[in-house]
N, C-alpha and C. Protein backbone atom coordinates (compact mmCIF):
# COMPACT_ATOMS: atom_id res chain seq x y z
N MET A 1 127.60 105.27 50.26
CA MET A 1 127.91 104.92 48.82
C MET A 1 127.12 103.70 48.56
N ASN A 2 126.45 103.65 47.45
CA ASN A 2 125.77 102.36 47.13
C ASN A 2 126.56 101.60 46.03
N LYS A 3 126.03 100.41 45.77
CA LYS A 3 126.75 99.53 44.73
C LYS A 3 126.96 100.16 43.46
N GLU A 4 125.96 100.98 42.94
CA GLU A 4 125.98 101.58 41.59
C GLU A 4 127.16 102.59 41.54
N GLU A 5 127.21 103.45 42.68
CA GLU A 5 128.23 104.44 42.75
C GLU A 5 129.59 103.84 42.75
N LEU A 6 129.81 102.71 43.57
CA LEU A 6 131.11 102.10 43.58
C LEU A 6 131.40 101.53 42.15
N ARG A 7 130.52 100.90 41.56
CA ARG A 7 130.69 100.34 40.23
C ARG A 7 131.23 101.43 39.18
N LEU A 8 130.54 102.54 39.21
CA LEU A 8 130.82 103.63 38.32
C LEU A 8 132.34 104.17 38.72
N ILE A 9 132.70 104.28 39.96
CA ILE A 9 133.99 104.65 40.36
C ILE A 9 135.10 103.65 39.96
N LEU A 10 134.80 102.32 40.14
CA LEU A 10 135.65 101.30 39.69
C LEU A 10 135.87 101.24 38.17
N GLU A 11 134.86 101.46 37.45
CA GLU A 11 134.98 101.60 36.06
C GLU A 11 135.74 102.74 35.48
N GLU A 12 135.53 103.91 36.05
CA GLU A 12 136.16 105.19 35.74
C GLU A 12 137.70 105.04 36.07
N GLY A 13 138.02 104.31 37.14
CA GLY A 13 139.45 104.26 37.61
C GLY A 13 140.00 105.41 38.32
N GLU A 14 141.27 105.40 38.56
CA GLU A 14 141.90 106.29 39.38
C GLU A 14 141.95 107.64 38.66
N GLY A 15 141.91 108.70 39.42
CA GLY A 15 142.05 110.09 38.89
C GLY A 15 142.51 111.07 39.83
N TYR A 16 142.14 112.35 39.62
CA TYR A 16 142.64 113.36 40.49
C TYR A 16 142.16 113.15 41.93
N GLY A 17 140.91 112.70 42.18
CA GLY A 17 140.36 112.60 43.55
C GLY A 17 140.12 111.22 43.89
N ILE A 18 140.65 110.12 43.14
CA ILE A 18 140.38 108.82 43.48
C ILE A 18 141.66 108.03 43.43
N GLU A 19 141.99 107.23 44.47
CA GLU A 19 143.23 106.42 44.49
C GLU A 19 142.91 105.07 44.88
N PHE A 20 143.35 104.04 44.26
CA PHE A 20 143.16 102.62 44.62
C PHE A 20 144.45 102.09 45.30
N LYS A 21 144.30 101.50 46.45
CA LYS A 21 145.41 100.86 47.10
C LYS A 21 145.17 99.44 47.60
N GLU A 22 145.95 98.49 47.23
CA GLU A 22 145.81 97.15 47.57
C GLU A 22 146.22 96.94 49.17
N SER A 23 147.07 97.75 49.55
CA SER A 23 147.57 97.61 50.94
C SER A 23 147.91 99.02 51.48
N LEU A 24 148.39 99.02 52.77
CA LEU A 24 148.71 100.37 53.42
C LEU A 24 150.09 101.03 52.91
N THR A 25 150.68 100.33 51.94
CA THR A 25 152.03 100.74 51.46
C THR A 25 151.91 102.04 50.86
N ASN A 26 152.61 103.07 51.23
CA ASN A 26 152.64 104.41 50.85
C ASN A 26 151.49 105.17 51.01
N LEU A 27 150.63 104.67 52.02
CA LEU A 27 149.31 105.43 52.28
C LEU A 27 149.46 106.72 52.74
N ASP A 28 150.63 106.99 53.58
CA ASP A 28 151.01 108.22 54.15
C ASP A 28 151.06 109.31 52.95
N LYS A 29 151.79 108.93 51.92
CA LYS A 29 152.08 109.88 50.87
C LYS A 29 150.70 110.26 50.10
N GLU A 30 149.79 109.28 50.03
CA GLU A 30 148.58 109.52 49.36
C GLU A 30 147.69 110.53 50.17
N LEU A 31 147.65 110.16 51.52
CA LEU A 31 146.93 111.20 52.43
C LEU A 31 147.56 112.53 52.37
N VAL A 32 148.80 112.75 52.40
CA VAL A 32 149.42 114.06 52.24
C VAL A 32 148.98 114.69 50.93
N ALA A 33 149.10 113.93 49.83
CA ALA A 33 148.81 114.55 48.59
C ALA A 33 147.35 115.09 48.58
N PHE A 34 146.41 114.19 49.11
CA PHE A 34 145.01 114.66 49.10
C PHE A 34 144.86 115.87 50.11
N ALA A 35 145.52 115.80 51.17
CA ALA A 35 145.46 117.01 52.17
C ALA A 35 145.99 118.29 51.55
N ASN A 36 146.96 118.18 50.64
CA ASN A 36 147.41 119.40 50.02
C ASN A 36 146.69 119.88 48.75
N SER A 37 145.63 119.10 48.40
CA SER A 37 144.81 119.46 47.34
C SER A 37 143.32 119.64 47.70
N LEU A 38 142.37 119.33 46.90
CA LEU A 38 141.04 119.36 47.25
C LEU A 38 140.43 118.24 47.89
N GLY A 39 141.34 117.21 48.26
CA GLY A 39 140.77 116.03 48.94
C GLY A 39 140.55 115.00 47.93
N GLY A 40 140.03 113.86 48.45
CA GLY A 40 139.70 112.76 47.49
C GLY A 40 139.35 111.47 48.28
N ARG A 41 139.27 110.39 47.65
CA ARG A 41 138.91 109.14 48.26
C ARG A 41 140.00 108.12 47.93
N ILE A 42 140.31 107.30 49.03
CA ILE A 42 141.24 106.26 48.84
C ILE A 42 140.50 104.97 48.99
N PHE A 43 140.57 104.07 48.18
CA PHE A 43 139.85 102.81 48.26
C PHE A 43 140.81 101.63 48.57
N LEU A 44 140.90 101.19 49.87
CA LEU A 44 141.77 100.10 50.21
C LEU A 44 141.21 98.78 49.69
N GLY A 45 142.18 97.82 49.26
CA GLY A 45 141.87 96.62 48.80
C GLY A 45 141.29 96.54 47.29
N VAL A 46 141.77 97.56 46.72
CA VAL A 46 141.45 97.77 45.21
C VAL A 46 142.75 97.84 44.38
N ALA A 47 142.88 97.02 43.44
CA ALA A 47 144.00 97.11 42.65
C ALA A 47 144.02 98.26 41.68
N ASP A 48 145.20 98.73 41.13
CA ASP A 48 145.14 99.86 40.23
C ASP A 48 144.23 99.70 38.96
N ASP A 49 144.07 98.49 38.65
CA ASP A 49 143.09 98.23 37.45
C ASP A 49 141.63 98.25 37.87
N GLY A 50 141.32 98.51 39.06
CA GLY A 50 139.93 98.69 39.57
C GLY A 50 139.31 97.26 40.13
N LYS A 51 140.03 96.24 40.00
CA LYS A 51 139.61 94.92 40.44
C LYS A 51 139.77 94.93 42.04
N ILE A 52 138.66 94.58 42.61
CA ILE A 52 138.62 94.32 44.10
C ILE A 52 139.33 93.14 44.53
N LYS A 53 140.40 93.44 45.41
CA LYS A 53 141.21 92.29 45.94
C LYS A 53 140.75 91.91 47.25
N GLY A 54 140.27 92.99 48.08
CA GLY A 54 139.69 92.76 49.43
C GLY A 54 140.89 93.07 50.35
N ILE A 55 140.45 93.47 51.52
CA ILE A 55 141.45 93.67 52.77
C ILE A 55 140.70 93.32 53.93
N GLN A 56 141.40 92.59 54.82
CA GLN A 56 140.82 92.10 56.15
C GLN A 56 140.77 93.31 57.07
N VAL A 57 139.61 93.81 57.44
CA VAL A 57 139.43 94.92 58.37
C VAL A 57 139.44 94.40 59.89
N SER A 58 140.54 94.93 60.51
CA SER A 58 140.69 94.43 61.87
C SER A 58 140.97 95.72 62.71
N ASN A 59 140.95 95.53 64.09
CA ASN A 59 141.31 96.59 64.93
C ASN A 59 142.69 97.02 64.63
N ARG A 60 143.64 96.12 64.36
CA ARG A 60 144.95 96.43 64.09
C ARG A 60 145.12 97.29 62.89
N LEU A 61 144.40 96.92 61.68
CA LEU A 61 144.31 97.73 60.58
C LEU A 61 143.85 99.22 60.89
N LYS A 62 142.76 99.23 61.56
CA LYS A 62 142.21 100.62 61.91
C LYS A 62 143.28 101.47 62.79
N SER A 63 144.08 100.76 63.64
CA SER A 63 145.03 101.40 64.38
C SER A 63 146.13 101.86 63.61
N GLN A 64 146.52 101.12 62.54
CA GLN A 64 147.57 101.40 61.66
C GLN A 64 147.23 102.64 60.79
N ILE A 65 145.99 102.71 60.37
CA ILE A 65 145.54 103.89 59.68
C ILE A 65 145.48 105.11 60.44
N GLN A 66 145.00 105.04 61.76
CA GLN A 66 145.05 106.13 62.62
C GLN A 66 146.49 106.62 62.88
N ASP A 67 147.43 105.76 63.08
CA ASP A 67 148.77 106.12 63.33
C ASP A 67 149.33 106.88 62.18
N ILE A 68 149.00 106.60 60.86
CA ILE A 68 149.52 107.21 59.75
C ILE A 68 148.93 108.52 59.70
């Protein structure tokens, strides 16, 4: 994904196949919802209004996501 594609996604906002999550809270429910549909993309570190909040990527975070 390039910067232009990301900009367009952030401008368009959440939808059927796009979900913004500021943290891992309820990530499991979003993954199940996408698994039971046609799939989609989850953007961690992005607020519901499309503003990038950021998230610290660490081995612990990666492990937490894998555990979910």
